[in-house]
Amino acid sequence: MRATDSGDALVLSAEDRAHIARRSRTGLLRALAAQAGTGMLVVLLAWLIAGTNAAVSALLGAAAYFVPNAFFALRLLAGYWAPARAGSLVFFWGEAFKLLAAAGVVVLVAWHWGGWLNWLAFLLGLLGVMKGYVVLLALRRLP
């Protein structure tokens, strides 16, 4: 990396761009893996502590955030191989869609299965996936 003569702009070589893109793809995949791991840990703990009903509730809570997040991550990963890079609006709308989809799944689950749902396990599954990146912070594995 080197600055131009004016000192205002940063010029990246093709190698620098490839390195940055590789690190961001790796970070995205690590974040997904950490979210899946924390979600499954919450499901396992719910099953051990409170039984099958709580485990299914925790799984529904984890899936409510993980599935839209995984689709968003796949969209971002696909953008690395697209001829034109996605702009910040694509990220903004993708994030908005992800959050609205997660909220919609929560409403759908509450509407259809609210009678037998273990709400504590459901919310812990949801929060476990939402905060899965904390595992990466604790292990110092963020790119």
N, C-alpha and C. Protein backbone atom coordinates (compact mmCIF):
# COMPACT_ATOMS: atom_id res chain seq x y z
N MET A 1 0.85 -1.17 0.00
CA MET A 1 0.00 0.00 0.00
C MET A 1 0.89 1.23 0.00
N ARG A 2 0.53 2.20 -0.83
CA ARG A 2 1.28 3.43 -0.85
C ARG A 2 0.35 4.60 -1.13
N ALA A 3 0.68 5.71 -0.58
CA ALA A 3 -0.10 6.92 -0.81
C ALA A 3 0.35 7.56 -2.12
N THR A 4 -0.55 8.27 -2.76
CA THR A 4 -0.19 8.97 -3.99
C THR A 4 0.64 10.20 -3.64
N ASP A 5 1.12 10.90 -4.67
CA ASP A 5 1.96 12.07 -4.47
C ASP A 5 1.26 13.16 -3.67
N SER A 6 -0.04 13.30 -3.85
CA SER A 6 -0.78 14.35 -3.14
C SER A 6 -0.98 14.01 -1.66
N GLY A 7 -0.85 12.75 -1.32
CA GLY A 7 -1.01 12.33 0.07
C GLY A 7 -2.45 12.14 0.49
N ASP A 8 -3.40 12.35 -0.41
CA ASP A 8 -4.81 12.24 -0.06
C ASP A 8 -5.37 10.84 -0.25
N ALA A 9 -4.94 10.15 -1.25
CA ALA A 9 -5.56 8.87 -1.59
C ALA A 9 -4.62 7.72 -1.27
N LEU A 10 -5.20 6.60 -0.99
CA LEU A 10 -4.46 5.39 -0.72
C LEU A 10 -4.60 4.48 -1.93
N VAL A 11 -3.50 4.03 -2.45
CA VAL A 11 -3.53 3.18 -3.64
C VAL A 11 -3.21 1.76 -3.20
N LEU A 12 -4.10 0.84 -3.52
CA LEU A 12 -3.91 -0.56 -3.18
C LEU A 12 -3.51 -1.33 -4.42
N SER A 13 -2.56 -2.20 -4.25
CA SER A 13 -2.19 -3.07 -5.36
C SER A 13 -3.22 -4.19 -5.47
N ALA A 14 -3.17 -4.92 -6.57
CA ALA A 14 -4.08 -6.06 -6.76
C ALA A 14 -3.85 -7.10 -5.67
N GLU A 15 -2.62 -7.26 -5.26
CA GLU A 15 -2.30 -8.22 -4.18
C GLU A 15 -2.91 -7.77 -2.85
N ASP A 16 -2.83 -6.45 -2.58
CA ASP A 16 -3.44 -5.91 -1.35
C ASP A 16 -4.95 -6.11 -1.35
N ARG A 17 -5.58 -5.84 -2.48
CA ARG A 17 -7.04 -6.02 -2.59
C ARG A 17 -7.42 -7.49 -2.38
N ALA A 18 -6.65 -8.39 -2.97
CA ALA A 18 -6.93 -9.82 -2.82
C ALA A 18 -6.77 -10.25 -1.36
N HIS A 19 -5.77 -9.71 -0.69
CA HIS A 19 -5.54 -10.05 0.73
C HIS A 19 -6.71 -9.55 1.60
N ILE A 20 -7.15 -8.33 1.35
CA ILE A 20 -8.27 -7.77 2.12
C ILE A 20 -9.54 -8.56 1.86
N ALA A 21 -9.80 -8.91 0.60
CA ALA A 21 -11.00 -9.69 0.27
C ALA A 21 -10.95 -11.07 0.91
N ARG A 22 -9.79 -11.70 0.92
CA ARG A 22 -9.64 -13.03 1.54
C ARG A 22 -9.89 -12.95 3.04
N ARG A 23 -9.35 -11.91 3.69
CA ARG A 23 -9.57 -11.75 5.14
C ARG A 23 -11.04 -11.50 5.46
N SER A 24 -11.70 -10.71 4.64
CA SER A 24 -13.12 -10.43 4.93
C SER A 24 -13.98 -11.67 4.69
N ARG A 25 -13.67 -12.45 3.66
CA ARG A 25 -14.43 -13.70 3.44
C ARG A 25 -14.20 -14.66 4.61
N THR A 26 -12.96 -14.78 5.04
CA THR A 26 -12.65 -15.66 6.17
C THR A 26 -13.36 -15.19 7.43
N GLY A 27 -13.37 -13.90 7.67
CA GLY A 27 -14.05 -13.36 8.85
C GLY A 27 -15.54 -13.61 8.82
N LEU A 28 -16.14 -13.48 7.64
CA LEU A 28 -17.57 -13.73 7.50
C LEU A 28 -17.91 -15.19 7.78
N LEU A 29 -17.11 -16.09 7.24
CA LEU A 29 -17.35 -17.52 7.48
C LEU A 29 -17.09 -17.89 8.94
N ARG A 30 -16.08 -17.29 9.55
CA ARG A 30 -15.84 -17.55 10.98
C ARG A 30 -17.00 -17.06 11.83
N ALA A 31 -17.54 -15.90 11.50
CA ALA A 31 -18.67 -15.37 12.27
C ALA A 31 -19.88 -16.30 12.15
N LEU A 32 -20.15 -16.79 10.95
CA LEU A 32 -21.25 -17.74 10.78
C LEU A 32 -21.01 -19.02 11.58
N ALA A 33 -19.79 -19.53 11.54
CA ALA A 33 -19.48 -20.75 12.28
C ALA A 33 -19.62 -20.53 13.79
N ALA A 34 -19.18 -19.37 14.26
CA ALA A 34 -19.32 -19.07 15.69
C ALA A 34 -20.78 -18.95 16.09
N GLN A 35 -21.58 -18.33 15.23
CA GLN A 35 -23.01 -18.21 15.53
C GLN A 35 -23.68 -19.58 15.54
N ALA A 36 -23.33 -20.42 14.59
CA ALA A 36 -23.90 -21.78 14.57
C ALA A 36 -23.46 -22.55 15.81
N GLY A 37 -22.21 -22.40 16.20
CA GLY A 37 -21.70 -23.11 17.38
C GLY A 37 -22.38 -22.67 18.66
N THR A 38 -22.54 -21.36 18.84
CA THR A 38 -23.20 -20.90 20.06
C THR A 38 -24.67 -21.28 20.06
N GLY A 39 -25.29 -21.25 18.89
CA GLY A 39 -26.70 -21.68 18.81
C GLY A 39 -26.86 -23.14 19.20
N MET A 40 -26.00 -23.98 18.70
CA MET A 40 -26.08 -25.42 19.02
C MET A 40 -25.73 -25.67 20.49
N LEU A 41 -24.83 -24.87 21.04
CA LEU A 41 -24.51 -25.00 22.46
C LEU A 41 -25.73 -24.67 23.32
N VAL A 42 -26.44 -23.62 22.95
CA VAL A 42 -27.66 -23.26 23.69
C VAL A 42 -28.72 -24.36 23.56
N VAL A 43 -28.86 -24.92 22.35
CA VAL A 43 -29.82 -26.01 22.15
C VAL A 43 -29.45 -27.21 23.02
N LEU A 44 -28.19 -27.57 23.04
CA LEU A 44 -27.72 -28.70 23.85
C LEU A 44 -27.96 -28.45 25.34
N LEU A 45 -27.62 -27.25 25.81
CA LEU A 45 -27.84 -26.93 27.22
C LEU A 45 -29.33 -26.92 27.57
N ALA A 46 -30.15 -26.40 26.67
CA ALA A 46 -31.60 -26.40 26.91
C ALA A 46 -32.12 -27.83 27.00
N TRP A 47 -31.63 -28.69 26.15
CA TRP A 47 -32.06 -30.10 26.17
C TRP A 47 -31.63 -30.78 27.46
N LEU A 48 -30.37 -30.54 27.88
CA LEU A 48 -29.87 -31.17 29.11
C LEU A 48 -30.59 -30.65 30.35
N ILE A 49 -30.92 -29.37 30.36
CA ILE A 49 -31.52 -28.76 31.55
C ILE A 49 -33.03 -28.94 31.60
N ALA A 50 -33.69 -28.73 30.45
CA ALA A 50 -35.16 -28.68 30.49
C ALA A 50 -35.85 -29.66 29.55
N GLY A 51 -35.14 -30.43 28.77
CA GLY A 51 -35.76 -31.45 27.95
C GLY A 51 -35.97 -31.07 26.49
N THR A 52 -36.69 -31.92 25.80
CA THR A 52 -36.86 -31.81 24.36
C THR A 52 -37.62 -30.56 23.95
N ASN A 53 -38.67 -30.22 24.67
CA ASN A 53 -39.46 -29.04 24.34
C ASN A 53 -38.60 -27.77 24.37
N ALA A 54 -37.77 -27.66 25.38
CA ALA A 54 -36.88 -26.50 25.48
C ALA A 54 -35.82 -26.51 24.37
N ALA A 55 -35.33 -27.69 24.02
CA ALA A 55 -34.32 -27.79 22.95
C ALA A 55 -34.91 -27.37 21.62
N VAL A 56 -36.13 -27.81 21.32
CA VAL A 56 -36.78 -27.40 20.07
C VAL A 56 -37.05 -25.90 20.08
N SER A 57 -37.45 -25.38 21.22
CA SER A 57 -37.68 -23.93 21.34
C SER A 57 -36.39 -23.16 21.11
N ALA A 58 -35.29 -23.62 21.70
CA ALA A 58 -34.00 -22.97 21.49
C ALA A 58 -33.55 -23.07 20.04
N LEU A 59 -33.82 -24.21 19.41
CA LEU A 59 -33.46 -24.38 18.01
C LEU A 59 -34.26 -23.42 17.13
N LEU A 60 -35.54 -23.26 17.41
CA LEU A 60 -36.35 -22.30 16.66
C LEU A 60 -35.84 -20.87 16.85
N GLY A 61 -35.46 -20.55 18.07
CA GLY A 61 -34.91 -19.22 18.34
C GLY A 61 -33.59 -18.99 17.63
N ALA A 62 -32.74 -19.99 17.64
CA ALA A 62 -31.45 -19.87 16.95
C ALA A 62 -31.65 -19.75 15.45
N ALA A 63 -32.56 -20.54 14.90
CA ALA A 63 -32.81 -20.51 13.46
C ALA A 63 -33.46 -19.20 13.03
N ALA A 64 -34.22 -18.59 13.92
CA ALA A 64 -34.90 -17.33 13.58
C ALA A 64 -33.90 -16.25 13.18
N TYR A 65 -32.72 -16.27 13.74
CA TYR A 65 -31.71 -15.28 13.37
C TYR A 65 -30.65 -15.86 12.44
N PHE A 66 -30.30 -17.13 12.63
CA PHE A 66 -29.20 -17.70 11.85
C PHE A 66 -29.54 -17.85 10.37
N VAL A 67 -30.74 -18.29 10.06
CA VAL A 67 -31.09 -18.53 8.65
C VAL A 67 -31.09 -17.23 7.84
N PRO A 68 -31.76 -16.16 8.27
CA PRO A 68 -31.65 -14.91 7.50
C PRO A 68 -30.22 -14.38 7.45
N ASN A 69 -29.48 -14.55 8.53
CA ASN A 69 -28.10 -14.09 8.56
C ASN A 69 -27.23 -14.89 7.59
N ALA A 70 -27.46 -16.18 7.49
CA ALA A 70 -26.70 -17.00 6.55
C ALA A 70 -27.00 -16.61 5.11
N PHE A 71 -28.27 -16.33 4.80
CA PHE A 71 -28.60 -15.87 3.45
C PHE A 71 -27.93 -14.54 3.14
N PHE A 72 -27.91 -13.64 4.10
CA PHE A 72 -27.25 -12.35 3.92
C PHE A 72 -25.75 -12.55 3.71
N ALA A 73 -25.16 -13.43 4.48
CA ALA A 73 -23.72 -13.70 4.32
C ALA A 73 -23.42 -14.31 2.96
N LEU A 74 -24.29 -15.21 2.49
CA LEU A 74 -24.11 -15.78 1.16
C LEU A 74 -24.20 -14.70 0.09
N ARG A 75 -25.11 -13.76 0.27
CA ARG A 75 -25.22 -12.65 -0.68
C ARG A 75 -23.94 -11.82 -0.67
N LEU A 76 -23.39 -11.55 0.49
CA LEU A 76 -22.14 -10.79 0.57
C LEU A 76 -20.98 -11.57 -0.04
N LEU A 77 -20.94 -12.87 0.22
CA LEU A 77 -19.88 -13.69 -0.37
C LEU A 77 -19.99 -13.75 -1.89
N ALA A 78 -21.21 -13.83 -2.40
CA ALA A 78 -21.40 -13.86 -3.85
C ALA A 78 -20.92 -12.56 -4.48
N GLY A 79 -21.00 -11.47 -3.75
CA GLY A 79 -20.55 -10.18 -4.26
C GLY A 79 -19.06 -10.11 -4.51
N TYR A 80 -18.28 -10.98 -3.88
CA TYR A 80 -16.84 -10.97 -4.10
C TYR A 80 -16.48 -11.44 -5.50
N TRP A 81 -17.33 -12.25 -6.09
CA TRP A 81 -17.03 -12.78 -7.42
C TRP A 81 -17.84 -12.09 -8.51
N ALA A 82 -18.64 -11.11 -8.13
CA ALA A 82 -19.42 -10.37 -9.12
C ALA A 82 -18.51 -9.40 -9.88
N PRO A 83 -18.87 -9.07 -11.10
CA PRO A 83 -18.03 -8.16 -11.87
C PRO A 83 -17.95 -6.76 -11.24
N ALA A 84 -19.03 -6.30 -10.63
CA ALA A 84 -19.03 -5.00 -9.97
C ALA A 84 -19.27 -5.20 -8.48
N ARG A 85 -18.54 -4.48 -7.68
CA ARG A 85 -18.70 -4.57 -6.22
C ARG A 85 -20.03 -3.96 -5.78
N ALA A 86 -20.61 -4.56 -4.78
CA ALA A 86 -21.85 -4.03 -4.21
C ALA A 86 -21.52 -2.79 -3.38
N GLY A 87 -22.41 -1.85 -3.41
CA GLY A 87 -22.21 -0.62 -2.65
C GLY A 87 -22.77 -0.73 -1.25
N SER A 88 -22.70 0.39 -0.54
CA SER A 88 -23.17 0.40 0.84
C SER A 88 -24.68 0.24 0.94
N LEU A 89 -25.41 0.65 -0.10
CA LEU A 89 -26.87 0.47 -0.08
C LEU A 89 -27.25 -1.00 -0.11
N VAL A 90 -26.49 -1.81 -0.81
CA VAL A 90 -26.77 -3.25 -0.84
C VAL A 90 -26.61 -3.82 0.57
N PHE A 91 -25.56 -3.39 1.25
CA PHE A 91 -25.35 -3.84 2.63
C PHE A 91 -26.49 -3.36 3.53
N PHE A 92 -26.87 -2.09 3.40
CA PHE A 92 -27.94 -1.53 4.23
C PHE A 92 -29.24 -2.28 4.02
N TRP A 93 -29.65 -2.48 2.77
CA TRP A 93 -30.90 -3.17 2.50
C TRP A 93 -30.83 -4.65 2.88
N GLY A 94 -29.67 -5.25 2.71
CA GLY A 94 -29.50 -6.64 3.13
C GLY A 94 -29.64 -6.79 4.63
N GLU A 95 -29.05 -5.86 5.36
CA GLU A 95 -29.15 -5.88 6.82
C GLU A 95 -30.60 -5.64 7.26
N ALA A 96 -31.28 -4.71 6.60
CA ALA A 96 -32.68 -4.44 6.93
C ALA A 96 -33.54 -5.66 6.65
N PHE A 97 -33.31 -6.30 5.50
CA PHE A 97 -34.08 -7.51 5.17
C PHE A 97 -33.82 -8.61 6.19
N LYS A 98 -32.56 -8.77 6.59
CA LYS A 98 -32.20 -9.80 7.57
C LYS A 98 -32.94 -9.57 8.89
N LEU A 99 -32.94 -8.34 9.37
CA LEU A 99 -33.59 -8.05 10.65
C LEU A 99 -35.11 -8.20 10.55
N LEU A 100 -35.69 -7.74 9.43
CA LEU A 100 -37.14 -7.90 9.25
C LEU A 100 -37.52 -9.37 9.12
N ALA A 101 -36.70 -10.15 8.44
CA ALA A 101 -36.98 -11.59 8.31
C ALA A 101 -36.90 -12.27 9.67
N ALA A 102 -35.90 -11.92 10.47
CA ALA A 102 -35.78 -12.51 11.81
C ALA A 102 -36.98 -12.14 12.67
N ALA A 103 -37.39 -10.88 12.62
CA ALA A 103 -38.56 -10.45 13.38
C ALA A 103 -39.82 -11.17 12.89
N GLY A 104 -39.93 -11.35 11.59
CA GLY A 104 -41.07 -12.08 11.04
C GLY A 104 -41.12 -13.52 11.49
N VAL A 105 -39.96 -14.16 11.56
CA VAL A 105 -39.92 -15.55 12.04
C VAL A 105 -40.32 -15.61 13.51
N VAL A 106 -39.88 -14.65 14.30
CA VAL A 106 -40.27 -14.62 15.72
C VAL A 106 -41.79 -14.48 15.84
N VAL A 107 -42.39 -13.60 15.06
CA VAL A 107 -43.84 -13.43 15.11
C VAL A 107 -44.54 -14.70 14.64
N LEU A 108 -44.04 -15.30 13.57
CA LEU A 108 -44.65 -16.53 13.04
C LEU A 108 -44.58 -17.67 14.06
N VAL A 109 -43.44 -17.82 14.71
CA VAL A 109 -43.29 -18.87 15.72
C VAL A 109 -44.23 -18.60 16.89
N ALA A 110 -44.31 -17.35 17.32
CA ALA A 110 -45.20 -17.02 18.44
C ALA A 110 -46.65 -17.28 18.08
N TRP A 111 -47.02 -16.99 16.86
CA TRP A 111 -48.40 -17.16 16.43
C TRP A 111 -48.78 -18.64 16.29
N HIS A 112 -47.90 -19.43 15.70
CA HIS A 112 -48.23 -20.84 15.45
C HIS A 112 -47.93 -21.76 16.62
N TRP A 113 -46.83 -21.52 17.31
CA TRP A 113 -46.40 -22.47 18.35
C TRP A 113 -46.24 -21.84 19.72
N GLY A 114 -46.85 -20.69 19.93
CA GLY A 114 -46.72 -19.99 21.20
C GLY A 114 -47.25 -20.77 22.39
N GLY A 115 -48.17 -21.71 22.16
CA GLY A 115 -48.77 -22.45 23.25
C GLY A 115 -47.81 -23.41 23.94
N TRP A 116 -46.96 -24.05 23.19
CA TRP A 116 -46.04 -25.02 23.79
C TRP A 116 -44.61 -24.52 23.85
N LEU A 117 -44.35 -23.35 23.27
CA LEU A 117 -42.99 -22.82 23.19
C LEU A 117 -42.44 -22.48 24.57
N ASN A 118 -41.22 -22.87 24.82
CA ASN A 118 -40.51 -22.46 26.02
C ASN A 118 -39.82 -21.13 25.67
N TRP A 119 -40.41 -20.03 26.14
CA TRP A 119 -39.96 -18.71 25.71
C TRP A 119 -38.55 -18.39 26.18
N LEU A 120 -38.17 -18.84 27.35
CA LEU A 120 -36.81 -18.58 27.83
C LEU A 120 -35.80 -19.26 26.91
N ALA A 121 -36.04 -20.51 26.58
CA ALA A 121 -35.13 -21.23 25.69
C ALA A 121 -35.12 -20.60 24.30
N PHE A 122 -36.28 -20.20 23.82
CA PHE A 122 -36.38 -19.55 22.52
C PHE A 122 -35.53 -18.29 22.48
N LEU A 123 -35.69 -17.44 23.48
CA LEU A 123 -34.94 -16.18 23.52
C LEU A 123 -33.45 -16.41 23.72
N LEU A 124 -33.09 -17.41 24.52
CA LEU A 124 -31.67 -17.71 24.69
C LEU A 124 -31.05 -18.25 23.40
N GLY A 125 -31.81 -19.04 22.65
CA GLY A 125 -31.32 -19.50 21.34
C GLY A 125 -31.12 -18.33 20.39
N LEU A 126 -32.08 -17.43 20.38
CA LEU A 126 -31.98 -16.23 19.54
C LEU A 126 -30.78 -15.37 19.94
N LEU A 127 -30.64 -15.10 21.22
CA LEU A 127 -29.52 -14.28 21.69
C LEU A 127 -28.17 -14.98 21.53
N GLY A 128 -28.17 -16.30 21.69
CA GLY A 128 -26.92 -17.04 21.51
C GLY A 128 -26.37 -16.88 20.11
N VAL A 129 -27.24 -16.94 19.12
CA VAL A 129 -26.78 -16.76 17.73
C VAL A 129 -26.44 -15.30 17.48
N MET A 130 -27.24 -14.40 17.99
CA MET A 130 -26.98 -12.97 17.76
C MET A 130 -25.62 -12.55 18.32
N LYS A 131 -25.21 -13.15 19.40
CA LYS A 131 -23.96 -12.76 20.05
C LYS A 131 -22.85 -13.79 19.83
N GLY A 132 -22.98 -14.60 18.80
CA GLY A 132 -21.97 -15.62 18.52
C GLY A 132 -20.60 -15.06 18.22
N TYR A 133 -20.54 -13.85 17.69
CA TYR A 133 -19.25 -13.25 17.39
C TYR A 133 -18.43 -12.98 18.65
N VAL A 134 -19.09 -12.93 19.80
CA VAL A 134 -18.36 -12.72 21.06
C VAL A 134 -17.36 -13.86 21.29
N VAL A 135 -17.72 -15.05 20.81
CA VAL A 135 -16.80 -16.19 20.90
C VAL A 135 -15.52 -15.87 20.13
N LEU A 136 -15.67 -15.28 18.95
CA LEU A 136 -14.49 -14.90 18.17
C LEU A 136 -13.68 -13.83 18.88
N LEU A 137 -14.35 -12.90 19.53
CA LEU A 137 -13.63 -11.88 20.29
C LEU A 137 -12.85 -12.52 21.44
N ALA A 138 -13.51 -13.44 22.14
CA ALA A 138 -12.85 -14.08 23.28
C ALA A 138 -11.66 -14.93 22.85
N LEU A 139 -11.77 -15.58 21.69
CA LEU A 139 -10.68 -16.42 21.20
C LEU A 139 -9.67 -15.65 20.35
N ARG A 140 -9.91 -14.36 20.18
CA ARG A 140 -9.04 -13.50 19.36
C ARG A 140 -8.91 -14.05 17.96
N ARG A 141 -10.03 -14.43 17.37
CA ARG A 141 -10.04 -15.02 16.03
C ARG A 141 -10.68 -14.11 15.00
N LEU A 142 -10.92 -12.86 15.35
CA LEU A 142 -11.44 -11.94 14.36
C LEU A 142 -10.32 -11.59 13.39
N PRO A 143 -10.63 -11.47 12.11
CA PRO A 143 -9.56 -11.14 11.14
C PRO A 143 -9.08 -9.71 11.27
